[in-house]
Amino acid sequence: MCIYRTFIKSYGKINYDSKYGVVMTTVKVMSIIGIILFSIGFISVIGLTPANEYDLTVTEIDNMLAAMGLSIILIIYGLAYSITCLVQSNKHKKQDQY
């Protein structure tokens, strides 16, 4: 709920349409969170990549495992975001038909 309030404070009033109600607020908030997570994840994965591919230390192996774990978390968030967008678009598409 805190992220939602921050979004409202940052971007002003909520877009309200008499036909759709609140217009795609969930998708907008999730896209902002996704951009932030992608940026952090991308920088982390690049930063945790080992410099030498042939002579790996234990720390470099641990860093690669951490980068893989972060990537899995970001993939799960991406899937949740795409499912949310699909549901929202289908809901609006059905409302357009009536």
C-alpha atoms as a PDB file:
ATOM      1  CA  MET A   1       0.000   0.000   0.000  1.00  0.00           C
ATOM      2  CA  CYS A   2       2.952   2.313   0.643  1.00  0.00           C
ATOM      3  CA  ILE A   3       4.111   2.075  -2.980  1.00  0.00           C
ATOM      4  CA  TYR A   4       0.592   2.923  -4.157  1.00  0.00           C
ATOM      5  CA  ARG A   5       0.497   6.045  -1.970  1.00  0.00           C
ATOM      6  CA  THR A   6       3.949   7.065  -3.183  1.00  0.00           C
ATOM      7  CA  PHE A   7       2.773   6.676  -6.776  1.00  0.00           C
ATOM      8  CA  ILE A   8      -0.291   8.833  -6.147  1.00  0.00           C
ATOM      9  CA  LYS A   9       1.788  11.531  -4.424  1.00  0.00           C
ATOM     10  CA  SER A  10       4.348  11.489  -7.248  1.00  0.00           C
ATOM     11  CA  TYR A  11       1.966  11.618 -10.172  1.00  0.00           C
ATOM     12  CA  GLY A  12      -0.962  13.590  -8.780  1.00  0.00           C
ATOM     13  CA  LYS A  13      -4.557  12.530  -9.163  1.00  0.00           C
ATOM     14  CA  ILE A  14      -5.660   9.109 -10.333  1.00  0.00           C
ATOM     15  CA  ASN A  15      -6.929   8.905 -13.887  1.00  0.00           C
ATOM     16  CA  TYR A  16     -10.612   8.060 -13.604  1.00  0.00           C
ATOM     17  CA  ASP A  17     -12.799   7.111 -16.519  1.00  0.00           C
ATOM     18  CA  SER A  18     -16.557   6.712 -16.109  1.00  0.00           C
ATOM     19  CA  LYS A  19     -16.512   3.621 -18.309  1.00  0.00           C
ATOM     20  CA  TYR A  20     -13.418   1.847 -16.905  1.00  0.00           C
ATOM     21  CA  GLY A  21     -13.080   3.214 -13.373  1.00  0.00           C
ATOM     22  CA  VAL A  22      -9.462   3.568 -12.327  1.00  0.00           C
ATOM     23  CA  VAL A  23      -7.482   3.381 -15.542  1.00  0.00           C
ATOM     24  CA  MET A  24      -4.618   0.865 -15.444  1.00  0.00           C
ATOM     25  CA  THR A  25      -3.216   2.069 -12.103  1.00  0.00           C
ATOM     26  CA  THR A  26      -1.974  -1.415 -11.226  1.00  0.00           C
ATOM     27  CA  VAL A  27      -0.079  -1.708 -14.483  1.00  0.00           C
ATOM     28  CA  LYS A  28       1.483   1.731 -14.068  1.00  0.00           C
ATOM     29  CA  VAL A  29       2.680   1.024 -10.528  1.00  0.00           C
ATOM     30  CA  MET A  30       4.007  -2.406 -11.481  1.00  0.00           C
ATOM     31  CA  SER A  31       5.842  -0.942 -14.475  1.00  0.00           C
ATOM     32  CA  ILE A  32       7.601   1.629 -12.286  1.00  0.00           C
ATOM     33  CA  ILE A  33       8.611  -1.107  -9.845  1.00  0.00           C
ATOM     34  CA  GLY A  34       9.741  -3.260 -12.786  1.00  0.00           C
ATOM     35  CA  ILE A  35      11.937  -0.499 -14.202  1.00  0.00           C
ATOM     36  CA  ILE A  36      13.600   0.010 -10.830  1.00  0.00           C
ATOM     37  CA  LEU A  37      14.113  -3.733 -10.261  1.00  0.00           C
ATOM     38  CA  PHE A  38      15.444  -4.225 -13.781  1.00  0.00           C
ATOM     39  CA  SER A  39      17.956  -1.410 -13.348  1.00  0.00           C
ATOM     40  CA  ILE A  40      19.187  -2.746 -10.014  1.00  0.00           C
ATOM     41  CA  GLY A  41      19.289  -6.302 -11.342  1.00  0.00           C
ATOM     42  CA  PHE A  42      21.117  -5.378 -14.531  1.00  0.00           C
ATOM     43  CA  ILE A  43      23.781  -3.425 -12.676  1.00  0.00           C
ATOM     44  CA  SER A  44      24.145  -6.241 -10.125  1.00  0.00           C
ATOM     45  CA  VAL A  45      24.467  -8.985 -12.723  1.00  0.00           C
ATOM     46  CA  ILE A  46      27.068  -6.998 -14.680  1.00  0.00           C
ATOM     47  CA  GLY A  47      28.922  -6.165 -11.464  1.00  0.00           C
ATOM     48  CA  LEU A  48      28.940  -9.772 -10.241  1.00  0.00           C
ATOM     49  CA  THR A  49      30.287 -11.214 -13.504  1.00  0.00           C
ATOM     50  CA  PRO A  50      33.788 -12.650 -13.016  1.00  0.00           C
ATOM     51  CA  ALA A  51      36.677 -10.980 -14.823  1.00  0.00           C
ATOM     52  CA  ASN A  52      38.577 -14.209 -15.551  1.00  0.00           C
ATOM     53  CA  GLU A  53      36.588 -17.151 -16.850  1.00  0.00           C
ATOM     54  CA  TYR A  54      39.281 -19.795 -16.333  1.00  0.00           C
ATOM     55  CA  ASP A  55      40.581 -19.221 -12.819  1.00  0.00           C
ATOM     56  CA  LEU A  56      37.521 -18.728 -10.576  1.00  0.00           C
ATOM     57  CA  THR A  57      37.754 -18.142  -6.851  1.00  0.00           C
ATOM     58  CA  VAL A  58      35.139 -19.196  -4.315  1.00  0.00           C
ATOM     59  CA  THR A  59      33.949 -15.589  -4.001  1.00  0.00           C
ATOM     60  CA  GLU A  60      33.446 -15.276  -7.755  1.00  0.00           C
ATOM     61  CA  ILE A  61      31.438 -18.509  -7.807  1.00  0.00           C
ATOM     62  CA  ASP A  62      29.293 -17.222  -4.933  1.00  0.00           C
ATOM     63  CA  ASN A  63      28.782 -13.945  -6.816  1.00  0.00           C
ATOM     64  CA  MET A  64      27.659 -15.833  -9.926  1.00  0.00           C
ATOM     65  CA  LEU A  65      25.178 -17.837  -7.843  1.00  0.00           C
ATOM     66  CA  ALA A  66      23.863 -14.608  -6.319  1.00  0.00           C
ATOM     67  CA  ALA A  67      23.446 -13.125  -9.797  1.00  0.00           C
ATOM     68  CA  MET A  68      21.527 -16.205 -10.934  1.00  0.00           C
ATOM     69  CA  GLY A  69      19.250 -15.981  -7.885  1.00  0.00           C
ATOM     70  CA  LEU A  70      18.555 -12.312  -8.550  1.00  0.00           C
ATOM     71  CA  SER A  71      17.804 -13.110 -12.175  1.00  0.00           C
ATOM     72  CA  ILE A  72      15.283 -15.779 -11.150  1.00  0.00           C
ATOM     73  CA  ILE A  73      13.525 -13.297  -8.840  1.00  0.00           C
ATOM     74  CA  LEU A  74      13.353 -10.731 -11.654  1.00  0.00           C
ATOM     75  CA  ILE A  75      11.974 -13.352 -14.062  1.00  0.00           C
ATOM     76  CA  ILE A  76       9.232 -14.248 -11.585  1.00  0.00           C
ATOM     77  CA  TYR A  77       8.327 -10.559 -11.227  1.00  0.00           C
ATOM     78  CA  GLY A  78       8.295 -10.203 -15.022  1.00  0.00           C
ATOM     79  CA  LEU A  79       5.894 -13.115 -15.333  1.00  0.00           C
ATOM     80  CA  ALA A  80       3.591 -11.610 -12.702  1.00  0.00           C
ATOM     81  CA  TYR A  81       3.699  -8.277 -14.533  1.00  0.00           C
ATOM     82  CA  SER A  82       2.870  -9.836 -17.894  1.00  0.00           C
ATOM     83  CA  ILE A  83      -0.044 -11.806 -16.396  1.00  0.00           C
ATOM     84  CA  THR A  84      -1.378  -8.629 -14.765  1.00  0.00           C
ATOM     85  CA  CYS A  85      -1.156  -6.730 -18.061  1.00  0.00           C
ATOM     86  CA  LEU A  86      -2.923  -9.560 -19.871  1.00  0.00           C
ATOM     87  CA  VAL A  87      -5.751  -9.652 -17.333  1.00  0.00           C
ATOM     88  CA  GLN A  88      -6.140  -5.860 -17.396  1.00  0.00           C
ATOM     89  CA  SER A  89      -6.199  -5.736 -21.194  1.00  0.00           C
ATOM     90  CA  ASN A  90      -8.723  -8.573 -21.391  1.00  0.00           C
ATOM     91  CA  LYS A  91     -10.925  -6.815 -18.833  1.00  0.00           C
ATOM     92  CA  HIS A  92     -10.881  -3.595 -20.864  1.00  0.00           C
ATOM     93  CA  LYS A  93     -11.418  -5.516 -24.092  1.00  0.00           C
ATOM     94  CA  LYS A  94     -14.531  -7.201 -22.671  1.00  0.00           C
ATOM     95  CA  GLN A  95     -15.873  -3.864 -21.454  1.00  0.00           C
ATOM     96  CA  ASP A  96     -15.404  -2.412 -24.952  1.00  0.00           C
ATOM     97  CA  GLN A  97     -17.561  -5.156 -26.443  1.00  0.00           C
ATOM     98  CA  TYR A  98     -20.582  -4.270 -24.293  1.00  0.00           C
END
